[in-house]
All heavy atoms as atom14 arrays in JSON, in Angstrom:
{
  "sequence": "DLTQFTLAVDRQNAEISKFLNPYHHAVIRLIETTVKN",
  "atom14_mask": [
    [1, 1, 1, 1, 1, 1, 1, 1, 0, 0, 0, 0, 0, 0],
    [1, 1, 1, 1, 1, 1, 1, 1, 0, 0, 0, 0, 0, 0],
    [1, 1, 1, 1, 1, 1, 1, 0, 0, 0, 0, 0, 0, 0],
    [1, 1, 1, 1, 1, 1, 1, 1, 1, 0, 0, 0, 0, 0],
    [1, 1, 1, 1, 1, 1, 1, 1, 1, 1, 1, 0, 0, 0],
    [1, 1, 1, 1, 1, 1, 1, 0, 0, 0, 0, 0, 0, 0],
    [1, 1, 1, 1, 1, 1, 1, 1, 0, 0, 0, 0, 0, 0],
    [1, 1, 1, 1, 1, 0, 0, 0, 0, 0, 0, 0, 0, 0],
    [1, 1, 1, 1, 1, 1, 1, 0, 0, 0, 0, 0, 0, 0],
    [1, 1, 1, 1, 1, 1, 1, 1, 0, 0, 0, 0, 0, 0],
    [1, 1, 1, 1, 1, 1, 1, 1, 1, 1, 1, 0, 0, 0],
    [1, 1, 1, 1, 1, 1, 1, 1, 1, 0, 0, 0, 0, 0],
    [1, 1, 1, 1, 1, 1, 1, 1, 0, 0, 0, 0, 0, 0],
    [1, 1, 1, 1, 1, 0, 0, 0, 0, 0, 0, 0, 0, 0],
    [1, 1, 1, 1, 1, 1, 1, 1, 1, 0, 0, 0, 0, 0],
    [1, 1, 1, 1, 1, 1, 1, 1, 0, 0, 0, 0, 0, 0],
    [1, 1, 1, 1, 1, 1, 0, 0, 0, 0, 0, 0, 0, 0],
    [1, 1, 1, 1, 1, 1, 1, 1, 1, 0, 0, 0, 0, 0],
    [1, 1, 1, 1, 1, 1, 1, 1, 1, 1, 1, 0, 0, 0],
    [1, 1, 1, 1, 1, 1, 1, 1, 0, 0, 0, 0, 0, 0],
    [1, 1, 1, 1, 1, 1, 1, 1, 0, 0, 0, 0, 0, 0],
    [1, 1, 1, 1, 1, 1, 1, 0, 0, 0, 0, 0, 0, 0],
    [1, 1, 1, 1, 1, 1, 1, 1, 1, 1, 1, 1, 0, 0],
    [1, 1, 1, 1, 1, 1, 1, 1, 1, 1, 0, 0, 0, 0],
    [1, 1, 1, 1, 1, 1, 1, 1, 1, 1, 0, 0, 0, 0],
    [1, 1, 1, 1, 1, 0, 0, 0, 0, 0, 0, 0, 0, 0],
    [1, 1, 1, 1, 1, 1, 1, 0, 0, 0, 0, 0, 0, 0],
    [1, 1, 1, 1, 1, 1, 1, 1, 0, 0, 0, 0, 0, 0],
    [1, 1, 1, 1, 1, 1, 1, 1, 1, 1, 1, 0, 0, 0],
    [1, 1, 1, 1, 1, 1, 1, 1, 0, 0, 0, 0, 0, 0],
    [1, 1, 1, 1, 1, 1, 1, 1, 0, 0, 0, 0, 0, 0],
    [1, 1, 1, 1, 1, 1, 1, 1, 1, 0, 0, 0, 0, 0],
    [1, 1, 1, 1, 1, 1, 1, 0, 0, 0, 0, 0, 0, 0],
    [1, 1, 1, 1, 1, 1, 1, 0, 0, 0, 0, 0, 0, 0],
    [1, 1, 1, 1, 1, 1, 1, 0, 0, 0, 0, 0, 0, 0],
    [1, 1, 1, 1, 1, 1, 1, 1, 1, 0, 0, 0, 0, 0],
    [1, 1, 1, 1, 1, 1, 1, 1, 0, 0, 0, 0, 0, 0]
  ],
  "atom14_positions": [
    [[1.44, 3.05, -6.34], [2.56, 3.65, -5.6], [2.22, 3.87, -4.14], [3.07, 3.7, -3.27], [2.99, 4.97, -6.25], [4.05, 4.77, -7.33], [4.84, 3.82, -7.2], [4.08, 5.56, -8.29], [0.0, 0.0, 0.0], [0.0, 0.0, 0.0], [0.0, 0.0, 0.0], [0.0, 0.0, 0.0], [0.0, 0.0, 0.0], [0.0, 0.0, 0.0]],
    [[0.98, 4.26, -3.87], [0.6, 4.49, -2.47], [0.8, 3.21, -1.65], [1.29, 3.27, -0.52], [-0.86, 4.94, -2.39], [-1.38, 5.26, -0.98], [-0.59, 6.42, -0.36], [-2.88, 5.59, -1.01], [0.0, 0.0, 0.0], [0.0, 0.0, 0.0], [0.0, 0.0, 0.0], [0.0, 0.0, 0.0], [0.0, 0.0, 0.0], [0.0, 0.0, 0.0]],
    [[0.48, 2.07, -2.24], [0.66, 0.8, -1.53], [2.13, 0.49, -1.31], [2.55, 0.12, -0.21], [-0.01, -0.35, -2.31], [-1.4, -0.08, -2.47], [0.15, -1.67, -1.58], [0.0, 0.0, 0.0], [0.0, 0.0, 0.0], [0.0, 0.0, 0.0], [0.0, 0.0, 0.0], [0.0, 0.0, 0.0], [0.0, 0.0, 0.0], [0.0, 0.0, 0.0]],
    [[2.95, 0.64, -2.34], [4.36, 0.27, -2.2], [5.09, 1.19, -1.22], [5.94, 0.74, -0.45], [5.06, 0.23, -3.56], [5.55, 1.53, -4.13], [6.59, 1.32, -5.24], [7.18, 0.25, -5.39], [6.81, 2.37, -6.03], [0.0, 0.0, 0.0], [0.0, 0.0, 0.0], [0.0, 0.0, 0.0], [0.0, 0.0, 0.0], [0.0, 0.0, 0.0]],
    [[4.75, 2.47, -1.23], [5.43, 3.39, -0.32], [4.93, 3.23, 1.12], [5.7, 3.37, 2.07], [5.26, 4.84, -0.79], [6.0, 5.17, -2.05], [5.38, 5.84, -3.08], [7.32, 4.79, -2.21], [6.05, 6.13, -4.25], [8.02, 5.07, -3.37], [7.38, 5.75, -4.4], [0.0, 0.0, 0.0], [0.0, 0.0, 0.0], [0.0, 0.0, 0.0]],
    [[3.66, 2.95, 1.27], [3.11, 2.76, 2.62], [3.67, 1.51, 3.28], [4.0, 1.5, 4.47], [1.57, 2.67, 2.56], [1.06, 3.87, 1.97], [0.98, 2.51, 3.96], [0.0, 0.0, 0.0], [0.0, 0.0, 0.0], [0.0, 0.0, 0.0], [0.0, 0.0, 0.0], [0.0, 0.0, 0.0], [0.0, 0.0, 0.0], [0.0, 0.0, 0.0]],
    [[3.8, 0.43, 2.49], [4.26, -0.85, 3.05], [5.75, -1.09, 2.87], [6.26, -2.12, 3.3], [3.47, -1.99, 2.38], [1.94, -1.92, 2.48], [1.32, -3.13, 1.81], [1.5, -1.82, 3.94], [0.0, 0.0, 0.0], [0.0, 0.0, 0.0], [0.0, 0.0, 0.0], [0.0, 0.0, 0.0], [0.0, 0.0, 0.0], [0.0, 0.0, 0.0]],
    [[6.45, -0.14, 2.23], [7.88, -0.29, 1.97], [8.18, -1.58, 1.22], [9.11, -2.33, 1.53], [8.68, -0.24, 3.28], [0.0, 0.0, 0.0], [0.0, 0.0, 0.0], [0.0, 0.0, 0.0], [0.0, 0.0, 0.0], [0.0, 0.0, 0.0], [0.0, 0.0, 0.0], [0.0, 0.0, 0.0], [0.0, 0.0, 0.0], [0.0, 0.0, 0.0]],
    [[7.34, -1.84, 0.18], [7.51, -3.04, -0.65], [7.66, -2.6, -2.1], [6.75, -1.96, -2.66], [6.3, -3.99, -0.52], [6.47, -5.18, -1.46], [6.13, -4.47, 0.91], [0.0, 0.0, 0.0], [0.0, 0.0, 0.0], [0.0, 0.0, 0.0], [0.0, 0.0, 0.0], [0.0, 0.0, 0.0], [0.0, 0.0, 0.0], [0.0, 0.0, 0.0]],
    [[8.79, -2.91, -2.7], [9.05, -2.56, -4.1], [8.12, -3.38, -4.99], [8.23, -4.6, -5.07], [10.51, -2.86, -4.43], [10.88, -2.5, -5.86], [9.99, -2.06, -6.61], [12.06, -2.68, -6.22], [0.0, 0.0, 0.0], [0.0, 0.0, 0.0], [0.0, 0.0, 0.0], [0.0, 0.0, 0.0], [0.0, 0.0, 0.0], [0.0, 0.0, 0.0]],
    [[7.22, -2.71, -5.72], [6.26, -3.45, -6.53], [6.88, -4.03, -7.79], [6.23, -4.79, -8.52], [5.05, -2.57, -6.88], [5.33, -1.32, -7.68], [4.07, -0.47, -7.72], [4.23, 0.8, -8.41], [3.9, 1.01, -9.68], [3.39, 0.03, -10.38], [4.07, 2.19, -10.22], [0.0, 0.0, 0.0], [0.0, 0.0, 0.0], [0.0, 0.0, 0.0]],
    [[8.15, -3.71, -8.06], [8.84, -4.31, -9.2], [9.6, -5.58, -8.81], [10.16, -6.26, -9.67], [9.84, -3.29, -9.79], [9.21, -1.99, -10.26], [8.21, -2.19, -11.38], [8.47, -2.97, -12.29], [7.08, -1.51, -11.31], [0.0, 0.0, 0.0], [0.0, 0.0, 0.0], [0.0, 0.0, 0.0], [0.0, 0.0, 0.0], [0.0, 0.0, 0.0]],
    [[9.63, -5.87, -7.52], [10.4, -7.02, -7.02], [9.47, -8.22, -6.82], [8.69, -8.27, -5.86], [11.08, -6.65, -5.7], [12.03, -7.73, -5.21], [11.94, -8.89, -5.6], [12.96, -7.35, -4.33], [0.0, 0.0, 0.0], [0.0, 0.0, 0.0], [0.0, 0.0, 0.0], [0.0, 0.0, 0.0], [0.0, 0.0, 0.0], [0.0, 0.0, 0.0]],
    [[9.54, -9.18, -7.74], [8.63, -10.34, -7.71], [8.83, -11.19, -6.46], [7.89, -11.83, -5.97], [8.84, -11.19, -8.95], [0.0, 0.0, 0.0], [0.0, 0.0, 0.0], [0.0, 0.0, 0.0], [0.0, 0.0, 0.0], [0.0, 0.0, 0.0], [0.0, 0.0, 0.0], [0.0, 0.0, 0.0], [0.0, 0.0, 0.0], [0.0, 0.0, 0.0]],
    [[10.03, -11.2, -5.91], [10.33, -12.05, -4.76], [9.56, -11.65, -3.51], [9.33, -12.47, -2.63], [11.84, -12.04, -4.46], [12.67, -12.76, -5.5], [14.12, -12.86, -5.1], [14.41, -12.74, -3.88], [14.97, -13.05, -5.98], [0.0, 0.0, 0.0], [0.0, 0.0, 0.0], [0.0, 0.0, 0.0], [0.0, 0.0, 0.0], [0.0, 0.0, 0.0]],
    [[9.17, -10.37, -3.43], [8.47, -9.92, -2.22], [7.03, -9.49, -2.53], [6.4, -8.79, -1.75], [9.23, -8.75, -1.54], [9.45, -7.58, -2.51], [10.55, -9.24, -0.98], [10.06, -6.36, -1.84], [0.0, 0.0, 0.0], [0.0, 0.0, 0.0], [0.0, 0.0, 0.0], [0.0, 0.0, 0.0], [0.0, 0.0, 0.0], [0.0, 0.0, 0.0]],
    [[6.53, -9.94, -3.69], [5.18, -9.52, -4.1], [4.11, -9.97, -3.11], [3.07, -9.34, -2.98], [4.86, -10.08, -5.48], [4.92, -11.5, -5.49], [0.0, 0.0, 0.0], [0.0, 0.0, 0.0], [0.0, 0.0, 0.0], [0.0, 0.0, 0.0], [0.0, 0.0, 0.0], [0.0, 0.0, 0.0], [0.0, 0.0, 0.0], [0.0, 0.0, 0.0]],
    [[4.37, -11.07, -2.38], [3.37, -11.55, -1.41], [3.17, -10.57, -0.26], [2.17, -10.64, 0.47], [3.77, -12.92, -0.87], [5.03, -12.95, -0.03], [5.34, -14.36, 0.46], [6.62, -14.41, 1.29], [6.92, -15.77, 1.76], [0.0, 0.0, 0.0], [0.0, 0.0, 0.0], [0.0, 0.0, 0.0], [0.0, 0.0, 0.0], [0.0, 0.0, 0.0]],
    [[4.14, -9.65, -0.08], [4.01, -8.66, 0.99], [3.32, -7.37, 0.53], [3.07, -6.48, 1.33], [5.4, -8.3, 1.55], [6.13, -9.46, 2.15], [7.2, -10.05, 1.5], [5.74, -9.99, 3.38], [7.87, -11.13, 2.05], [6.39, -11.07, 3.94], [7.46, -11.64, 3.27], [0.0, 0.0, 0.0], [0.0, 0.0, 0.0], [0.0, 0.0, 0.0]],
    [[3.04, -7.3, -0.78], [2.41, -6.1, -1.34], [0.9, -6.27, -1.26], [0.26, -6.76, -2.18], [2.85, -5.9, -2.8], [2.5, -4.56, -3.44], [3.29, -3.42, -2.81], [2.76, -4.61, -4.95], [0.0, 0.0, 0.0], [0.0, 0.0, 0.0], [0.0, 0.0, 0.0], [0.0, 0.0, 0.0], [0.0, 0.0, 0.0], [0.0, 0.0, 0.0]],
    [[0.33, -5.84, -0.15], [-1.08, -6.06, 0.12], [-1.86, -4.76, -0.03], [-1.85, -3.91, 0.87], [-1.26, -6.62, 1.54], [-2.73, -6.76, 1.91], [-3.6, -6.74, 1.04], [-3.0, -6.91, 3.2], [0.0, 0.0, 0.0], [0.0, 0.0, 0.0], [0.0, 0.0, 0.0], [0.0, 0.0, 0.0], [0.0, 0.0, 0.0], [0.0, 0.0, 0.0]],
    [[-2.55, -4.56, -1.16], [-3.27, -3.3, -1.37], [-4.46, -3.12, -0.43], [-5.01, -2.02, -0.33], [-3.73, -3.4, -2.83], [-3.82, -4.87, -3.1], [-2.72, -5.49, -2.29], [0.0, 0.0, 0.0], [0.0, 0.0, 0.0], [0.0, 0.0, 0.0], [0.0, 0.0, 0.0], [0.0, 0.0, 0.0], [0.0, 0.0, 0.0], [0.0, 0.0, 0.0]],
    [[-4.86, -4.21, 0.26], [-6.01, -4.13, 1.18], [-5.55, -3.89, 2.63], [-6.36, -3.93, 3.55], [-6.83, -5.42, 1.12], [-7.11, -5.89, -0.28], [-6.51, -7.03, -0.8], [-7.99, -5.18, -1.1], [-6.77, -7.46, -2.09], [-8.25, -5.6, -2.39], [-7.64, -6.74, -2.89], [-7.89, -7.15, -4.17], [0.0, 0.0, 0.0], [0.0, 0.0, 0.0]],
    [[-4.28, -3.65, 2.82], [-3.72, -3.39, 4.15], [-4.49, -2.21, 4.78], [-4.8, -1.22, 4.12], [-2.24, -3.04, 4.02], [-1.48, -3.08, 5.31], [-1.66, -2.14, 6.3], [-0.53, -3.94, 5.77], [-0.85, -2.41, 7.31], [-0.15, -3.51, 7.01], [0.0, 0.0, 0.0], [0.0, 0.0, 0.0], [0.0, 0.0, 0.0], [0.0, 0.0, 0.0]],
    [[-4.78, -2.35, 6.07], [-5.57, -1.31, 6.74], [-4.92, 0.07, 6.64], [-5.61, 1.09, 6.6], [-5.79, -1.69, 8.2], [-6.73, -2.84, 8.37], [-7.0, -3.44, 9.59], [-7.48, -3.52, 7.47], [-7.86, -4.42, 9.43], [-8.17, -4.49, 8.15], [0.0, 0.0, 0.0], [0.0, 0.0, 0.0], [0.0, 0.0, 0.0], [0.0, 0.0, 0.0]],
    [[-3.6, 0.1, 6.63], [-2.91, 1.39, 6.53], [-3.22, 2.07, 5.2], [-3.44, 3.29, 5.13], [-1.41, 1.2, 6.69], [0.0, 0.0, 0.0], [0.0, 0.0, 0.0], [0.0, 0.0, 0.0], [0.0, 0.0, 0.0], [0.0, 0.0, 0.0], [0.0, 0.0, 0.0], [0.0, 0.0, 0.0], [0.0, 0.0, 0.0], [0.0, 0.0, 0.0]],
    [[-3.24, 1.28, 4.11], [-3.55, 1.84, 2.79], [-4.98, 2.34, 2.75], [-5.26, 3.46, 2.29], [-3.33, 0.77, 1.69], [-3.73, 1.32, 0.32], [-1.88, 0.3, 1.67], [0.0, 0.0, 0.0], [0.0, 0.0, 0.0], [0.0, 0.0, 0.0], [0.0, 0.0, 0.0], [0.0, 0.0, 0.0], [0.0, 0.0, 0.0], [0.0, 0.0, 0.0]],
    [[-5.91, 1.54, 3.27], [-7.32, 1.92, 3.26], [-7.56, 3.18, 4.1], [-8.32, 4.08, 3.71], [-8.2, 0.76, 3.76], [-8.11, -0.4, 2.75], [-9.65, 1.2, 3.93], [-8.81, -1.66, 3.19], [0.0, 0.0, 0.0], [0.0, 0.0, 0.0], [0.0, 0.0, 0.0], [0.0, 0.0, 0.0], [0.0, 0.0, 0.0], [0.0, 0.0, 0.0]],
    [[-6.87, 3.28, 5.25], [-7.04, 4.47, 6.09], [-6.52, 5.72, 5.4], [-7.09, 6.81, 5.55], [-6.33, 4.26, 7.43], [-7.07, 3.3, 8.34], [-6.35, 3.13, 9.67], [-6.98, 2.08, 10.48], [-6.53, 1.68, 11.66], [-5.46, 2.26, 12.19], [-7.15, 0.72, 12.32], [0.0, 0.0, 0.0], [0.0, 0.0, 0.0], [0.0, 0.0, 0.0]],
    [[-5.44, 5.58, 4.63], [-4.92, 6.74, 3.9], [-5.89, 7.16, 2.81], [-6.06, 8.36, 2.54], [-3.55, 6.4, 3.3], [-2.39, 6.28, 4.31], [-1.13, 5.8, 3.61], [-2.14, 7.61, 5.01], [0.0, 0.0, 0.0], [0.0, 0.0, 0.0], [0.0, 0.0, 0.0], [0.0, 0.0, 0.0], [0.0, 0.0, 0.0], [0.0, 0.0, 0.0]],
    [[-6.53, 6.2, 2.17], [-7.55, 6.52, 1.17], [-8.72, 7.24, 1.83], [-9.22, 8.26, 1.32], [-8.03, 5.25, 0.44], [-6.89, 4.62, -0.38], [-9.22, 5.56, -0.47], [-7.23, 3.28, -0.99], [0.0, 0.0, 0.0], [0.0, 0.0, 0.0], [0.0, 0.0, 0.0], [0.0, 0.0, 0.0], [0.0, 0.0, 0.0], [0.0, 0.0, 0.0]],
    [[-9.17, 6.72, 2.96], [-10.28, 7.34, 3.69], [-9.93, 8.77, 4.11], [-10.75, 9.69, 3.98], [-10.62, 6.51, 4.93], [-11.28, 5.17, 4.62], [-11.48, 4.31, 5.85], [-10.66, 4.42, 6.81], [-12.43, 3.52, 5.87], [0.0, 0.0, 0.0], [0.0, 0.0, 0.0], [0.0, 0.0, 0.0], [0.0, 0.0, 0.0], [0.0, 0.0, 0.0]],
    [[-8.72, 8.96, 4.61], [-8.27, 10.29, 5.03], [-8.29, 11.27, 3.85], [-8.76, 12.41, 3.96], [-6.84, 10.22, 5.61], [-6.85, 9.41, 6.78], [-6.3, 11.6, 5.94], [0.0, 0.0, 0.0], [0.0, 0.0, 0.0], [0.0, 0.0, 0.0], [0.0, 0.0, 0.0], [0.0, 0.0, 0.0], [0.0, 0.0, 0.0], [0.0, 0.0, 0.0]],
    [[-7.79, 10.8, 2.72], [-7.72, 11.64, 1.52], [-9.12, 12.05, 1.05], [-9.37, 13.23, 0.74], [-7.0, 10.89, 0.38], [-5.67, 10.55, 0.8], [-6.94, 11.74, -0.87], [0.0, 0.0, 0.0], [0.0, 0.0, 0.0], [0.0, 0.0, 0.0], [0.0, 0.0, 0.0], [0.0, 0.0, 0.0], [0.0, 0.0, 0.0], [0.0, 0.0, 0.0]],
    [[-10.05, 11.08, 1.0], [-11.4, 11.38, 0.54], [-12.09, 12.36, 1.48], [-12.73, 13.33, 1.04], [-12.22, 10.08, 0.4], [-13.69, 10.39, 0.11], [-11.64, 9.2, -0.71], [0.0, 0.0, 0.0], [0.0, 0.0, 0.0], [0.0, 0.0, 0.0], [0.0, 0.0, 0.0], [0.0, 0.0, 0.0], [0.0, 0.0, 0.0], [0.0, 0.0, 0.0]],
    [[-11.95, 12.14, 2.79], [-12.58, 13.04, 3.77], [-12.05, 14.46, 3.62], [-12.81, 15.43, 3.59], [-12.34, 12.54, 5.19], [-12.97, 13.44, 6.27], [-12.66, 12.95, 7.66], [-13.36, 13.81, 8.72], [-13.01, 15.25, 8.61], [0.0, 0.0, 0.0], [0.0, 0.0, 0.0], [0.0, 0.0, 0.0], [0.0, 0.0, 0.0], [0.0, 0.0, 0.0]],
    [[-10.72, 14.58, 3.53], [-10.12, 15.91, 3.43], [-10.51, 16.61, 2.12], [-10.7, 17.83, 2.08], [-8.61, 15.81, 3.55], [-8.17, 15.49, 4.97], [-8.89, 15.77, 5.94], [-7.0, 14.89, 5.12], [0.0, 0.0, 0.0], [0.0, 0.0, 0.0], [0.0, 0.0, 0.0], [0.0, 0.0, 0.0], [0.0, 0.0, 0.0], [0.0, 0.0, 0.0]]
  ]
}
């Protein structure tokens, strides 16, 4: 869910699955922020 909400990509929509990138820097930075806090 963190990936789909961060990238505004519905993970249930197969047509746009290529845009659902869990390695996106924004996702990784949010994980880093969460762990640090």
